[in-house]
């Protein structure tokens, strides 16, 4: 589906994601589960799929989510230019 930060922003109402070293995100595809990991400490987003399918859209969505979350919760932008995708 389409990216919709407003639909999920309440999920972290009581959690400061930016105080975490890593954020583990289960990703459900139509018939398959994968995993995304955001490492704030190492400035990386990683995608794990047992079928070894790449998913750049997922990695981009994770970075977009971080940007929206930072603006919404911290009232400041996050510099994503140093983040690498794997």
N, C-alpha and C. Protein backbone atom coordinates (compact mmCIF):
# COMPACT_ATOMS: atom_id res chain seq x y z
N UNK A 1 0.81 -1.19 0.00
CA UNK A 1 0.00 0.00 0.00
C UNK A 1 0.85 1.25 0.00
N UNK A 2 0.18 2.35 -0.05
CA UNK A 2 0.84 3.65 -0.08
C UNK A 2 1.38 4.03 1.30
N UNK A 3 2.41 4.84 1.32
CA UNK A 3 2.99 5.34 2.57
C UNK A 3 2.00 6.26 3.24
N UNK A 4 1.74 6.01 4.54
CA UNK A 4 0.76 6.82 5.27
C UNK A 4 1.22 6.99 6.71
N UNK A 5 2.09 7.95 6.96
CA UNK A 5 2.62 8.16 8.31
C UNK A 5 1.50 8.43 9.31
N UNK A 6 0.51 9.20 8.93
CA UNK A 6 -0.58 9.55 9.84
C UNK A 6 -1.29 8.30 10.37
N UNK A 7 -1.31 7.25 9.58
CA UNK A 7 -1.97 6.02 9.98
C UNK A 7 -1.23 5.23 11.05
N UNK A 8 0.07 5.51 11.23
CA UNK A 8 0.85 4.73 12.19
C UNK A 8 1.56 5.58 13.24
N UNK A 9 1.48 6.89 13.15
CA UNK A 9 2.27 7.72 14.05
C UNK A 9 1.91 7.52 15.52
N UNK A 10 0.69 7.13 15.80
CA UNK A 10 0.30 6.91 17.20
C UNK A 10 0.96 5.67 17.81
N UNK A 11 1.49 4.78 16.98
CA UNK A 11 2.13 3.56 17.48
C UNK A 11 3.33 3.87 18.36
N UNK A 12 3.97 5.01 18.14
CA UNK A 12 5.15 5.37 18.93
C UNK A 12 4.87 6.56 19.85
N UNK A 13 3.63 6.73 20.20
CA UNK A 13 3.22 7.85 21.06
C UNK A 13 4.01 7.88 22.36
N UNK A 14 4.28 6.73 22.95
CA UNK A 14 4.97 6.66 24.24
C UNK A 14 6.39 6.11 24.13
N UNK A 15 6.93 6.10 22.91
CA UNK A 15 8.25 5.52 22.67
C UNK A 15 9.11 6.53 21.90
N UNK A 16 10.34 6.73 22.37
CA UNK A 16 11.28 7.57 21.64
C UNK A 16 12.17 6.67 20.79
N UNK A 17 11.81 6.50 19.53
CA UNK A 17 12.59 5.63 18.65
C UNK A 17 14.03 6.09 18.52
N UNK A 18 14.27 7.37 18.65
CA UNK A 18 15.60 7.90 18.43
C UNK A 18 16.54 7.66 19.61
N UNK A 19 16.01 7.09 20.68
CA UNK A 19 16.86 6.68 21.80
C UNK A 19 17.32 5.23 21.65
N UNK A 20 16.84 4.56 20.62
CA UNK A 20 17.17 3.16 20.38
C UNK A 20 18.42 3.04 19.49
N UNK A 21 19.15 1.94 19.68
CA UNK A 21 20.25 1.64 18.76
C UNK A 21 19.72 1.07 17.46
N UNK A 22 18.75 0.13 17.60
CA UNK A 22 18.17 -0.53 16.43
C UNK A 22 16.66 -0.59 16.56
N UNK A 23 16.00 -0.53 15.42
CA UNK A 23 14.56 -0.67 15.33
C UNK A 23 14.30 -1.85 14.41
N UNK A 24 13.62 -2.85 14.94
CA UNK A 24 13.30 -4.07 14.18
C UNK A 24 11.86 -3.96 13.68
N UNK A 25 11.68 -4.11 12.36
CA UNK A 25 10.36 -3.91 11.76
C UNK A 25 9.97 -5.14 10.94
N UNK A 26 8.95 -5.88 11.39
CA UNK A 26 8.46 -6.97 10.54
C UNK A 26 7.73 -6.38 9.32
N UNK A 27 7.95 -6.97 8.17
CA UNK A 27 7.36 -6.47 6.92
C UNK A 27 6.55 -7.60 6.30
N UNK A 28 5.25 -7.36 6.14
CA UNK A 28 4.40 -8.37 5.51
C UNK A 28 4.17 -8.03 4.05
N UNK A 29 4.62 -8.92 3.21
CA UNK A 29 4.32 -8.83 1.79
C UNK A 29 3.09 -9.70 1.57
N UNK A 30 2.55 -9.72 0.42
CA UNK A 30 1.27 -10.40 0.17
C UNK A 30 1.23 -11.83 0.72
N UNK A 31 2.29 -12.60 0.49
CA UNK A 31 2.28 -14.00 0.92
C UNK A 31 3.53 -14.37 1.71
N UNK A 32 4.24 -13.38 2.22
CA UNK A 32 5.58 -13.65 2.75
C UNK A 32 5.95 -12.58 3.78
N UNK A 33 6.65 -12.97 4.83
CA UNK A 33 7.16 -12.04 5.82
C UNK A 33 8.64 -11.81 5.62
N UNK A 34 9.07 -10.57 5.79
CA UNK A 34 10.48 -10.19 5.72
C UNK A 34 10.78 -9.33 6.95
N UNK A 35 11.97 -8.78 6.99
CA UNK A 35 12.37 -8.00 8.14
C UNK A 35 13.19 -6.80 7.69
N UNK A 36 12.89 -5.64 8.28
CA UNK A 36 13.71 -4.45 8.07
C UNK A 36 14.33 -4.08 9.41
N UNK A 37 15.59 -3.66 9.38
CA UNK A 37 16.28 -3.23 10.58
C UNK A 37 16.85 -1.84 10.32
N UNK A 38 16.52 -0.92 11.21
CA UNK A 38 17.08 0.42 11.14
C UNK A 38 18.08 0.53 12.27
N UNK A 39 19.32 0.77 11.94
CA UNK A 39 20.37 0.96 12.94
C UNK A 39 20.67 2.45 13.01
N UNK A 40 20.16 3.09 14.05
CA UNK A 40 20.40 4.52 14.20
C UNK A 40 21.86 4.77 14.56
N UNK A 41 22.44 3.88 15.34
CA UNK A 41 23.84 4.04 15.75
C UNK A 41 24.77 3.96 14.53
N UNK A 42 24.53 2.98 13.66
CA UNK A 42 25.40 2.76 12.50
C UNK A 42 24.93 3.49 11.25
N UNK A 43 23.76 4.14 11.34
CA UNK A 43 23.18 4.87 10.20
C UNK A 43 23.02 3.96 8.98
N UNK A 44 22.28 2.87 9.21
CA UNK A 44 22.02 1.88 8.16
C UNK A 44 20.56 1.45 8.20
N UNK A 45 20.02 1.12 7.05
CA UNK A 45 18.76 0.39 6.98
C UNK A 45 19.05 -0.90 6.23
N UNK A 46 18.54 -1.99 6.76
CA UNK A 46 18.82 -3.30 6.19
C UNK A 46 17.50 -4.03 5.94
N UNK A 47 17.52 -4.85 4.92
CA UNK A 47 16.33 -5.63 4.56
C UNK A 47 16.72 -7.09 4.46
N UNK A 48 15.98 -7.93 5.16
CA UNK A 48 16.25 -9.36 5.18
C UNK A 48 15.05 -10.12 4.62
N UNK A 49 15.33 -10.97 3.65
CA UNK A 49 14.29 -11.75 3.00
C UNK A 49 14.85 -13.14 2.74
N UNK A 50 14.19 -14.16 3.27
CA UNK A 50 14.68 -15.53 3.09
C UNK A 50 14.65 -15.96 1.62
N UNK A 51 13.88 -15.26 0.80
CA UNK A 51 13.84 -15.56 -0.63
C UNK A 51 14.87 -14.73 -1.40
N UNK A 52 15.63 -13.90 -0.67
CA UNK A 52 16.71 -13.09 -1.23
C UNK A 52 16.24 -12.09 -2.28
N UNK A 53 15.01 -11.61 -2.12
CA UNK A 53 14.50 -10.59 -3.03
C UNK A 53 14.86 -9.21 -2.48
N UNK A 54 15.43 -8.34 -3.30
CA UNK A 54 15.72 -6.97 -2.83
C UNK A 54 14.40 -6.19 -2.70
N UNK A 55 14.40 -5.17 -1.88
CA UNK A 55 13.19 -4.37 -1.73
C UNK A 55 13.58 -2.92 -1.40
N UNK A 56 14.04 -2.22 -2.41
CA UNK A 56 14.46 -0.84 -2.24
C UNK A 56 13.31 0.05 -1.78
N UNK A 57 12.09 -0.27 -2.22
CA UNK A 57 10.92 0.51 -1.79
C UNK A 57 10.75 0.45 -0.28
N UNK A 58 10.99 -0.71 0.31
CA UNK A 58 10.87 -0.86 1.75
C UNK A 58 11.94 -0.03 2.45
N UNK A 59 13.17 -0.09 1.98
CA UNK A 59 14.25 0.68 2.59
C UNK A 59 13.97 2.18 2.50
N UNK A 60 13.47 2.62 1.35
CA UNK A 60 13.13 4.03 1.19
C UNK A 60 11.98 4.43 2.12
N UNK A 61 11.01 3.53 2.29
CA UNK A 61 9.89 3.82 3.20
C UNK A 61 10.37 3.92 4.65
N UNK A 62 11.34 3.09 5.04
CA UNK A 62 11.89 3.17 6.39
C UNK A 62 12.55 4.54 6.63
N UNK A 63 13.31 5.00 5.64
CA UNK A 63 13.96 6.30 5.77
C UNK A 63 12.93 7.43 5.78
N UNK A 64 11.93 7.31 4.95
CA UNK A 64 10.87 8.33 4.94
C UNK A 64 10.14 8.36 6.28
N UNK A 65 9.89 7.17 6.83
CA UNK A 65 9.24 7.10 8.14
C UNK A 65 10.10 7.80 9.20
N UNK A 66 11.41 7.54 9.20
CA UNK A 66 12.29 8.20 10.16
C UNK A 66 12.23 9.71 10.03
N UNK A 67 12.19 10.19 8.81
CA UNK A 67 12.12 11.64 8.59
C UNK A 67 10.82 12.20 9.15
N UNK A 68 9.71 11.54 8.86
CA UNK A 68 8.40 11.99 9.36
C UNK A 68 8.34 11.91 10.88
N UNK A 69 8.86 10.83 11.44
CA UNK A 69 8.84 10.63 12.89
C UNK A 69 9.66 11.70 13.59
N UNK A 70 10.81 12.03 13.04
CA UNK A 70 11.66 13.04 13.64
C UNK A 70 10.99 14.41 13.62
N UNK A 71 10.41 14.74 12.50
CA UNK A 71 9.73 16.03 12.38
C UNK A 71 8.52 16.10 13.31
N UNK A 72 7.77 15.01 13.40
CA UNK A 72 6.57 14.99 14.23
C UNK A 72 6.90 14.95 15.73
N UNK A 73 7.77 14.05 16.13
CA UNK A 73 8.00 13.83 17.56
C UNK A 73 9.09 14.72 18.14
N UNK A 74 10.16 14.97 17.37
CA UNK A 74 11.28 15.76 17.89
C UNK A 74 11.23 17.21 17.42
N UNK A 75 10.33 17.48 16.49
CA UNK A 75 10.19 18.84 15.92
C UNK A 75 11.48 19.31 15.25
N UNK A 76 12.21 18.35 14.69
CA UNK A 76 13.45 18.68 13.98
C UNK A 76 13.70 17.64 12.90
N UNK A 77 14.31 18.06 11.80
CA UNK A 77 14.61 17.09 10.74
C UNK A 77 15.76 16.18 11.15
N UNK A 78 15.84 15.05 10.50
CA UNK A 78 16.96 14.13 10.69
C UNK A 78 17.75 14.11 9.39
N UNK A 79 19.07 14.10 9.50
CA UNK A 79 19.92 14.06 8.31
C UNK A 79 20.05 12.60 7.87
N UNK A 80 19.39 12.27 6.79
CA UNK A 80 19.41 10.90 6.29
C UNK A 80 20.50 10.68 5.25
N UNK A 81 21.24 11.71 4.91
CA UNK A 81 22.25 11.60 3.85
C UNK A 81 23.38 10.63 4.22
N UNK A 82 23.58 10.40 5.53
CA UNK A 82 24.64 9.50 5.96
C UNK A 82 24.18 8.05 6.09
N UNK A 83 22.88 7.79 5.92
CA UNK A 83 22.36 6.43 6.05
C UNK A 83 22.65 5.63 4.79
N UNK A 84 23.11 4.40 4.99
CA UNK A 84 23.32 3.50 3.86
C UNK A 84 22.22 2.44 3.86
N UNK A 85 21.97 1.88 2.69
CA UNK A 85 20.93 0.86 2.52
C UNK A 85 21.57 -0.45 2.14
N UNK A 86 21.11 -1.53 2.81
CA UNK A 86 21.68 -2.86 2.58
C UNK A 86 20.58 -3.89 2.48
